[in-house]
PDB file of N, CA and C in Angstrom:
ATOM      1  N   UNK A   1       0.810  -1.232   0.035  1.00  0.00           N
ATOM      2  CA  UNK A   1       0.001  -0.031   0.000  1.00  0.00           C
ATOM      3  C   UNK A   1       0.861   1.229  -0.006  1.00  0.00           C
ATOM      4  N   UNK A   2       0.418   2.254  -0.710  1.00  0.00           N
ATOM      5  CA  UNK A   2       1.272   3.502  -0.764  1.00  0.00           C
ATOM      6  C   UNK A   2       1.019   4.363   0.503  1.00  0.00           C
ATOM      7  N   UNK A   3       2.119   5.098   0.759  1.00  0.00           N
ATOM      8  CA  UNK A   3       2.101   5.973   1.910  1.00  0.00           C
ATOM      9  C   UNK A   3       1.213   7.161   1.636  1.00  0.00           C
ATOM     10  N   UNK A   4       0.375   7.521   2.565  1.00  0.00           N
ATOM     11  CA  UNK A   4      -0.534   8.702   2.381  1.00  0.00           C
ATOM     12  C   UNK A   4       0.059   9.818   3.261  1.00  0.00           C
ATOM     13  N   UNK A   5       0.299  11.033   2.666  1.00  0.00           N
ATOM     14  CA  UNK A   5       0.796  12.195   3.365  1.00  0.00           C
ATOM     15  C   UNK A   5      -0.453  13.069   3.616  1.00  0.00           C
ATOM     16  N   UNK A   6      -0.457  13.729   4.819  1.00  0.00           N
ATOM     17  CA  UNK A   6      -1.347  14.700   5.108  1.00  0.00           C
ATOM     18  C   UNK A   6      -0.959  16.053   4.630  1.00  0.00           C
ATOM     19  N   UNK A   7      -1.743  16.957   4.411  1.00  0.00           N
ATOM     20  CA  UNK A   7      -1.445  18.303   3.802  1.00  0.00           C
ATOM     21  C   UNK A   7      -0.238  18.968   4.502  1.00  0.00           C
ATOM     22  N   UNK A   8      -0.297  19.061   5.764  1.00  0.00           N
ATOM     23  CA  UNK A   8       0.743  19.872   6.524  1.00  0.00           C
ATOM     24  C   UNK A   8       1.551  18.937   7.266  1.00  0.00           C
ATOM     25  N   UNK A   9       1.705  17.685   6.931  1.00  0.00           N
ATOM     26  CA  UNK A   9       2.618  16.780   7.637  1.00  0.00           C
ATOM     27  C   UNK A   9       4.060  17.073   7.541  1.00  0.00           C
ATOM     28  N   UNK A  10       4.822  16.987   8.595  1.00  0.00           N
ATOM     29  CA  UNK A  10       6.248  17.126   8.577  1.00  0.00           C
ATOM     30  C   UNK A  10       6.837  15.906   7.976  1.00  0.00           C
ATOM     31  N   UNK A  11       7.664  16.159   6.928  1.00  0.00           N
ATOM     32  CA  UNK A  11       8.269  14.937   6.231  1.00  0.00           C
ATOM     33  C   UNK A  11       9.834  15.074   6.457  1.00  0.00           C
ATOM     34  N   UNK A  12      10.418  13.921   6.939  1.00  0.00           N
ATOM     35  CA  UNK A  12      11.829  13.889   7.180  1.00  0.00           C
ATOM     36  C   UNK A  12      12.609  13.965   5.866  1.00  0.00           C
ATOM     37  N   UNK A  13      13.818  14.511   5.936  1.00  0.00           N
ATOM     38  CA  UNK A  13      14.828  14.561   4.886  1.00  0.00           C
ATOM     39  C   UNK A  13      14.371  15.391   3.649  1.00  0.00           C
ATOM     40  N   UNK A  14      13.493  16.265   3.771  1.00  0.00           N
ATOM     41  CA  UNK A  14      13.144  17.115   2.607  1.00  0.00           C
ATOM     42  C   UNK A  14      14.213  18.261   2.579  1.00  0.00           C
ATOM     43  N   UNK A  15      14.657  18.564   1.321  1.00  0.00           N
ATOM     44  CA  UNK A  15      15.761  19.455   1.114  1.00  0.00           C
ATOM     45  C   UNK A  15      15.203  20.735   0.387  1.00  0.00           C
ATOM     46  N   UNK A  16      15.707  21.888   0.830  1.00  0.00           N
ATOM     47  CA  UNK A  16      15.346  23.112   0.017  1.00  0.00           C
ATOM     48  C   UNK A  16      15.696  23.161  -1.423  1.00  0.00           C
ATOM     49  N   UNK A  17      14.869  23.634  -2.211  1.00  0.00           N
ATOM     50  CA  UNK A  17      15.130  23.795  -3.663  1.00  0.00           C
ATOM     51  C   UNK A  17      14.295  24.946  -4.187  1.00  0.00           C
ATOM     52  N   UNK A  18      14.609  25.486  -5.353  1.00  0.00           N
ATOM     53  CA  UNK A  18      13.955  26.547  -6.026  1.00  0.00           C
ATOM     54  C   UNK A  18      13.436  26.117  -7.369  1.00  0.00           C
ATOM     55  N   UNK A  19      12.233  26.651  -7.648  1.00  0.00           N
ATOM     56  CA  UNK A  19      11.738  26.260  -9.044  1.00  0.00           C
ATOM     57  C   UNK A  19      12.494  27.082 -10.049  1.00  0.00           C
ATOM     58  N   UNK A  20      12.818  26.484 -11.057  1.00  0.00           N
ATOM     59  CA  UNK A  20      13.626  27.108 -12.193  1.00  0.00           C
ATOM     60  C   UNK A  20      12.831  28.277 -12.659  1.00  0.00           C
ATOM     61  N   UNK A  21      13.577  29.280 -13.005  1.00  0.00           N
ATOM     62  CA  UNK A  21      12.898  30.504 -13.571  1.00  0.00           C
ATOM     63  C   UNK A  21      12.559  30.189 -15.107  1.00  0.00           C
ATOM     64  N   UNK A  22      11.279  30.168 -15.310  1.00  0.00           N
ATOM     65  CA  UNK A  22      10.773  29.979 -16.646  1.00  0.00           C
ATOM     66  C   UNK A  22       9.695  31.075 -16.983  1.00  0.00           C
ATOM     67  N   UNK A  23       9.577  31.320 -18.214  1.00  0.00           N
ATOM     68  CA  UNK A  23       8.692  32.355 -18.647  1.00  0.00           C
ATOM     69  C   UNK A  23       7.418  31.660 -19.079  1.00  0.00           C
ATOM     70  N   UNK A  24       6.292  32.126 -18.532  1.00  0.00           N
ATOM     71  CA  UNK A  24       4.909  31.785 -18.927  1.00  0.00           C
ATOM     72  C   UNK A  24       4.312  33.100 -19.387  1.00  0.00           C
ATOM     73  N   UNK A  25       3.148  32.953 -19.984  1.00  0.00           N
ATOM     74  CA  UNK A  25       2.366  34.074 -20.523  1.00  0.00           C
ATOM     75  C   UNK A  25       1.072  34.153 -19.705  1.00  0.00           C
ATOM     76  N   UNK A  26       0.565  35.395 -19.449  1.00  0.00           N
ATOM     77  CA  UNK A  26      -0.685  35.492 -18.635  1.00  0.00           C
ATOM     78  C   UNK A  26      -1.450  36.731 -19.118  1.00  0.00           C
ATOM     79  N   UNK A  27      -2.738  36.661 -18.867  1.00  0.00           N
ATOM     80  CA  UNK A  27      -3.622  37.791 -19.198  1.00  0.00           C
ATOM     81  C   UNK A  27      -4.656  37.935 -18.100  1.00  0.00           C
ATOM     82  N   UNK A  28      -4.830  39.069 -17.491  1.00  0.00           N
ATOM     83  CA  UNK A  28      -5.879  39.125 -16.438  1.00  0.00           C
ATOM     84  C   UNK A  28      -7.194  39.252 -17.187  1.00  0.00           C
ATOM     85  N   UNK A  29      -8.107  38.515 -16.801  1.00  0.00           N
ATOM     86  CA  UNK A  29      -9.495  38.508 -17.448  1.00  0.00           C
ATOM     87  C   UNK A  29     -10.487  39.471 -16.795  1.00  0.00           C
ATOM     88  N   UNK A  30     -11.208  40.158 -17.546  1.00  0.00           N
ATOM     89  CA  UNK A  30     -12.152  41.156 -17.120  1.00  0.00           C
ATOM     90  C   UNK A  30     -13.548  40.592 -16.932  1.00  0.00           C
ATOM     91  N   UNK A  31     -13.769  39.438 -17.111  1.00  0.00           N
ATOM     92  CA  UNK A  31     -15.059  38.718 -16.960  1.00  0.00           C
ATOM     93  C   UNK A  31     -14.873  37.273 -16.631  1.00  0.00           C
ATOM     94  N   UNK A  32     -15.891  36.547 -16.108  1.00  0.00           N
ATOM     95  CA  UNK A  32     -15.759  35.044 -15.805  1.00  0.00           C
ATOM     96  C   UNK A  32     -15.588  34.390 -17.148  1.00  0.00           C
ATOM     97  N   UNK A  33     -14.808  33.343 -17.060  1.00  0.00           N
ATOM     98  CA  UNK A  33     -14.363  32.521 -18.188  1.00  0.00           C
ATOM     99  C   UNK A  33     -14.210  31.050 -17.768  1.00  0.00           C
ATOM    100  N   UNK A  34     -14.054  30.188 -18.781  1.00  0.00           N
ATOM    101  CA  UNK A  34     -13.705  28.841 -18.558  1.00  0.00           C
ATOM    102  C   UNK A  34     -12.660  28.253 -19.476  1.00  0.00           C
ATOM    103  N   UNK A  35     -11.988  27.244 -19.118  1.00  0.00           N
ATOM    104  CA  UNK A  35     -10.936  26.619 -19.878  1.00  0.00           C
ATOM    105  C   UNK A  35     -11.048  25.148 -19.829  1.00  0.00           C
ATOM    106  N   UNK A  36     -10.975  24.505 -21.011  1.00  0.00           N
ATOM    107  CA  UNK A  36     -10.791  23.080 -21.089  1.00  0.00           C
ATOM    108  C   UNK A  36      -9.402  22.724 -20.747  1.00  0.00           C
ATOM    109  N   UNK A  37      -9.231  22.082 -19.558  1.00  0.00           N
ATOM    110  CA  UNK A  37      -7.867  21.736 -19.043  1.00  0.00           C
ATOM    111  C   UNK A  37      -7.330  20.490 -19.588  1.00  0.00           C
ATOM    112  N   UNK A  38      -6.111  20.104 -19.287  1.00  0.00           N
ATOM    113  CA  UNK A  38      -5.523  18.999 -19.691  1.00  0.00           C
ATOM    114  C   UNK A  38      -6.188  17.645 -19.032  1.00  0.00           C
ATOM    115  N   UNK A  39      -6.985  17.989 -17.962  1.00  0.00           N
ATOM    116  CA  UNK A  39      -7.622  16.832 -17.345  1.00  0.00           C
ATOM    117  C   UNK A  39      -8.931  16.568 -18.121  1.00  0.00           C
ATOM    118  N   UNK A  40      -9.160  17.445 -19.061  1.00  0.00           N
ATOM    119  CA  UNK A  40     -10.364  17.240 -19.995  1.00  0.00           C
ATOM    120  C   UNK A  40     -11.669  17.799 -19.447  1.00  0.00           C
ATOM    121  N   UNK A  41     -11.768  18.388 -18.257  1.00  0.00           N
ATOM    122  CA  UNK A  41     -12.992  19.044 -17.839  1.00  0.00           C
ATOM    123  C   UNK A  41     -12.868  20.496 -17.823  1.00  0.00           C
ATOM    124  N   UNK A  42     -13.949  21.171 -17.874  1.00  0.00           N
ATOM    125  CA  UNK A  42     -13.921  22.620 -17.838  1.00  0.00           C
ATOM    126  C   UNK A  42     -13.631  23.109 -16.419  1.00  0.00           C
ATOM    127  N   UNK A  43     -12.750  24.172 -16.357  1.00  0.00           N
ATOM    128  CA  UNK A  43     -12.518  24.837 -15.051  1.00  0.00           C
ATOM    129  C   UNK A  43     -12.924  26.220 -15.250  1.00  0.00           C
ATOM    130  N   UNK A  44     -13.452  26.886 -14.242  1.00  0.00           N
ATOM    131  CA  UNK A  44     -14.024  28.227 -14.224  1.00  0.00           C
ATOM    132  C   UNK A  44     -13.039  29.244 -13.688  1.00  0.00           C
ATOM    133  N   UNK A  45     -12.956  30.316 -14.263  1.00  0.00           N
ATOM    134  CA  UNK A  45     -12.207  31.467 -13.702  1.00  0.00           C
ATOM    135  C   UNK A  45     -13.190  32.617 -13.498  1.00  0.00           C
ATOM    136  N   UNK A  46     -12.709  33.345 -12.391  1.00  0.00           N
ATOM    137  CA  UNK A  46     -13.542  34.540 -12.051  1.00  0.00           C
ATOM    138  C   UNK A  46     -12.971  35.864 -12.692  1.00  0.00           C
ATOM    139  N   UNK A  47     -13.849  36.878 -12.657  1.00  0.00           N
ATOM    140  CA  UNK A  47     -13.331  38.137 -13.031  1.00  0.00           C
ATOM    141  C   UNK A  47     -12.092  38.485 -12.175  1.00  0.00           C
ATOM    142  N   UNK A  48     -11.039  38.933 -12.834  1.00  0.00           N
ATOM    143  CA  UNK A  48      -9.902  39.259 -12.133  1.00  0.00           C
ATOM    144  C   UNK A  48      -8.774  38.139 -12.112  1.00  0.00           C
ATOM    145  N   UNK A  49      -9.200  36.819 -12.296  1.00  0.00           N
ATOM    146  CA  UNK A  49      -8.289  35.781 -12.438  1.00  0.00           C
ATOM    147  C   UNK A  49      -7.471  35.913 -13.643  1.00  0.00           C
ATOM    148  N   UNK A  50      -6.451  35.107 -13.748  1.00  0.00           N
ATOM    149  CA  UNK A  50      -5.473  35.098 -14.815  1.00  0.00           C
ATOM    150  C   UNK A  50      -5.616  33.835 -15.761  1.00  0.00           C
ATOM    151  N   UNK A  51      -5.662  34.017 -17.103  1.00  0.00           N
ATOM    152  CA  UNK A  51      -5.571  32.974 -17.961  1.00  0.00           C
ATOM    153  C   UNK A  51      -4.114  32.878 -18.327  1.00  0.00           C
ATOM    154  N   UNK A  52      -3.579  31.650 -18.182  1.00  0.00           N
ATOM    155  CA  UNK A  52      -2.054  31.462 -18.327  1.00  0.00           C
ATOM    156  C   UNK A  52      -1.805  30.373 -19.330  1.00  0.00           C
ATOM    157  N   UNK A  53      -0.675  30.536 -20.056  1.00  0.00           N
ATOM    158  CA  UNK A  53      -0.240  29.485 -21.006  1.00  0.00           C
ATOM    159  C   UNK A  53       1.079  28.934 -20.406  1.00  0.00           C
ATOM    160  N   UNK A  54       1.107  27.609 -20.164  1.00  0.00           N
ATOM    161  CA  UNK A  54       2.232  26.964 -19.493  1.00  0.00           C
ATOM    162  C   UNK A  54       3.379  26.677 -20.518  1.00  0.00           C
ATOM    163  N   UNK A  55       4.383  26.016 -20.100  1.00  0.00           N
ATOM    164  CA  UNK A  55       5.595  25.756 -20.810  1.00  0.00           C
ATOM    165  C   UNK A  55       5.358  24.757 -21.948  1.00  0.00           C
ATOM    166  N   UNK A  56       4.337  23.925 -21.894  1.00  0.00           N
ATOM    167  CA  UNK A  56       3.938  22.986 -22.966  1.00  0.00           C
ATOM    168  C   UNK A  56       2.939  23.534 -23.870  1.00  0.00           C
ATOM    169  N   UNK A  57       2.455  24.818 -23.704  1.00  0.00           N
ATOM    170  CA  UNK A  57       1.394  25.404 -24.458  1.00  0.00           C
ATOM    171  C   UNK A  57       0.069  25.250 -23.973  1.00  0.00           C
ATOM    172  N   UNK A  58      -0.059  24.584 -22.825  1.00  0.00           N
ATOM    173  CA  UNK A  58      -1.451  24.362 -22.216  1.00  0.00           C
ATOM    174  C   UNK A  58      -1.971  25.656 -21.559  1.00  0.00           C
ATOM    175  N   UNK A  59      -3.267  25.795 -21.615  1.00  0.00           N
ATOM    176  CA  UNK A  59      -3.990  26.917 -20.898  1.00  0.00           C
ATOM    177  C   UNK A  59      -4.435  26.445 -19.540  1.00  0.00           C
ATOM    178  N   UNK A  60      -4.313  27.371 -18.569  1.00  0.00           N
ATOM    179  CA  UNK A  60      -4.843  27.116 -17.193  1.00  0.00           C
ATOM    180  C   UNK A  60      -5.164  28.428 -16.543  1.00  0.00           C
ATOM    181  N   UNK A  61      -5.894  28.259 -15.391  1.00  0.00           N
ATOM    182  CA  UNK A  61      -6.381  29.374 -14.650  1.00  0.00           C
ATOM    183  C   UNK A  61      -5.545  29.561 -13.409  1.00  0.00           C
ATOM    184  N   UNK A  62      -5.269  30.820 -13.125  1.00  0.00           N
ATOM    185  CA  UNK A  62      -4.537  31.097 -11.851  1.00  0.00           C
ATOM    186  C   UNK A  62      -5.336  32.161 -11.137  1.00  0.00           C
ATOM    187  N   UNK A  63      -5.699  31.832  -9.904  1.00  0.00           N
ATOM    188  CA  UNK A  63      -6.507  32.676  -9.067  1.00  0.00           C
ATOM    189  C   UNK A  63      -5.687  34.107  -8.913  1.00  0.00           C
ATOM    190  N   UNK A  64      -6.379  35.204  -8.846  1.00  0.00           N
ATOM    191  CA  UNK A  64      -5.675  36.462  -8.779  1.00  0.00           C
ATOM    192  C   UNK A  64      -4.709  36.658  -7.636  1.00  0.00           C
ATOM    193  N   UNK A  65      -5.203  36.267  -6.464  1.00  0.00           N
ATOM    194  CA  UNK A  65      -4.401  36.371  -5.212  1.00  0.00           C
ATOM    195  C   UNK A  65      -3.061  35.455  -5.368  1.00  0.00           C
ATOM    196  N   UNK A  66      -3.285  34.302  -5.841  1.00  0.00           N
ATOM    197  CA  UNK A  66      -2.042  33.495  -6.035  1.00  0.00           C
ATOM    198  C   UNK A  66      -1.082  34.086  -7.053  1.00  0.00           C
ATOM    199  N   UNK A  67      -1.664  34.503  -8.214  1.00  0.00           N
ATOM    200  CA  UNK A  67      -0.824  35.149  -9.265  1.00  0.00           C
ATOM    201  C   UNK A  67      -0.030  36.272  -8.638  1.00  0.00           C
ATOM    202  N   UNK A  68      -0.666  37.190  -7.918  1.00  0.00           N
ATOM    203  CA  UNK A  68      -0.031  38.355  -7.427  1.00  0.00           C
ATOM    204  C   UNK A  68       1.047  38.058  -6.381  1.00  0.00           C
ATOM    205  N   UNK A  69       0.904  36.939  -5.696  1.00  0.00           N
ATOM    206  CA  UNK A  69       2.006  36.528  -4.731  1.00  0.00           C
ATOM    207  C   UNK A  69       3.152  35.739  -5.432  1.00  0.00           C
ATOM    208  N   UNK A  70       2.919  35.262  -6.554  1.00  0.00           N
ATOM    209  CA  UNK A  70       3.843  34.280  -7.235  1.00  0.00           C
ATOM    210  C   UNK A  70       4.541  34.841  -8.496  1.00  0.00           C
ATOM    211  N   UNK A  71       3.940  35.865  -9.210  1.00  0.00           N
ATOM    212  CA  UNK A  71       4.515  36.237 -10.538  1.00  0.00           C
ATOM    213  C   UNK A  71       4.706  37.710 -10.611  1.00  0.00           C
ATOM    214  N   UNK A  72       5.660  38.072 -11.384  1.00  0.00           N
ATOM    215  CA  UNK A  72       5.939  39.498 -11.751  1.00  0.00           C
ATOM    216  C   UNK A  72       5.930  39.481 -13.311  1.00  0.00           C
ATOM    217  N   UNK A  73       5.275  40.519 -13.949  1.00  0.00           N
ATOM    218  CA  UNK A  73       5.431  40.618 -15.295  1.00  0.00           C
ATOM    219  C   UNK A  73       6.732  41.133 -15.822  1.00  0.00           C
ATOM    220  N   UNK A  74       7.278  40.641 -16.943  1.00  0.00           N
ATOM    221  CA  UNK A  74       8.598  41.032 -17.501  1.00  0.00           C
ATOM    222  C   UNK A  74       8.221  42.086 -18.464  1.00  0.00           C
ATOM    223  N   UNK A  75       9.136  43.180 -18.538  1.00  0.00           N
ATOM    224  CA  UNK A  75       8.904  44.155 -19.579  1.00  0.00           C
ATOM    225  C   UNK A  75       9.570  43.799 -20.876  1.00  0.00           C
TER     226      UNK A  75
END
Protein backbone atom coordinates (compact mmCIF):
# COMPACT_ATOMS: atom_id res chain seq x y z
CA UNK A 1 0.00 0.00 0.00
CA UNK A 2 1.20 3.52 -0.80
CA UNK A 3 2.11 5.99 1.93
CA UNK A 4 -0.49 8.72 2.37
CA UNK A 5 0.77 12.16 3.38
CA UNK A 6 -1.41 14.70 5.15
CA UNK A 7 -1.43 18.25 3.76
CA UNK A 8 0.71 19.84 6.51
CA UNK A 9 2.58 16.77 7.67
CA UNK A 10 6.26 17.15 8.58
CA UNK A 11 8.30 14.92 6.25
CA UNK A 12 11.86 13.96 7.19
CA UNK A 13 14.82 14.56 4.88
CA UNK A 14 13.15 17.16 2.63
CA UNK A 15 15.74 19.47 1.09
CA UNK A 16 15.31 23.11 0.06
CA UNK A 17 15.11 23.79 -3.66
CA UNK A 18 13.97 26.59 -6.00
CA UNK A 19 11.73 26.33 -8.99
CA UNK A 20 13.59 27.07 -12.22
CA UNK A 21 12.91 30.52 -13.60
CA UNK A 22 10.72 29.96 -16.65
CA UNK A 23 8.68 32.35 -18.72
CA UNK A 24 4.94 31.77 -18.96
CA UNK A 25 2.35 34.09 -20.46
CA UNK A 26 -0.66 35.50 -18.64
CA UNK A 27 -3.61 37.80 -19.18
CA UNK A 28 -5.88 39.15 -16.46
CA UNK A 29 -9.48 38.49 -17.45
CA UNK A 30 -12.16 41.16 -17.10
CA UNK A 31 -15.07 38.70 -16.99
CA UNK A 32 -15.79 35.14 -15.83
CA UNK A 33 -14.37 32.50 -18.20
CA UNK A 34 -13.72 28.80 -18.53
CA UNK A 35 -10.90 26.64 -19.86
CA UNK A 36 -10.86 23.06 -21.09
CA UNK A 37 -7.91 21.77 -19.05
CA UNK A 38 -5.46 18.93 -19.66
CA UNK A 39 -7.65 16.87 -17.34
CA UNK A 40 -10.40 17.23 -19.96
CA UNK A 41 -13.02 18.98 -17.85
CA UNK A 42 -13.91 22.64 -17.81
CA UNK A 43 -12.49 24.80 -15.05
CA UNK A 44 -14.04 28.18 -14.30
CA UNK A 45 -12.18 31.43 -13.74
CA UNK A 46 -13.55 34.51 -12.02
CA UNK A 47 -13.37 38.18 -13.01
CA UNK A 48 -9.81 39.25 -12.14
CA UNK A 49 -8.26 35.78 -12.39
CA UNK A 50 -5.48 35.13 -14.89
CA UNK A 51 -5.59 32.98 -17.98
CA UNK A 52 -2.12 31.50 -18.36
CA UNK A 53 -0.23 29.49 -20.97
CA UNK A 54 2.24 26.97 -19.53
CA UNK A 55 5.58 25.75 -20.86
CA UNK A 56 3.95 23.02 -22.97
CA UNK A 57 1.43 25.45 -24.50
CA UNK A 58 -1.43 24.38 -22.21
CA UNK A 59 -3.94 26.92 -20.91
CA UNK A 60 -4.86 27.07 -17.25
CA UNK A 61 -6.39 29.41 -14.68
CA UNK A 62 -4.53 31.10 -11.87
CA UNK A 63 -6.45 32.76 -9.04
CA UNK A 64 -5.70 36.50 -8.84
CA UNK A 65 -4.40 36.35 -5.25
CA UNK A 66 -2.04 33.45 -6.03
CA UNK A 67 -0.82 35.12 -9.23
CA UNK A 68 -0.01 38.36 -7.43
CA UNK A 69 1.97 36.49 -4.73
CA UNK A 70 3.86 34.33 -7.23
CA UNK A 71 4.48 36.21 -10.49
CA UNK A 72 5.91 39.47 -11.80
CA UNK A 73 5.40 40.66 -15.37
CA UNK A 74 8.54 41.07 -17.45
CA UNK A 75 8.93 44.17 -19.58
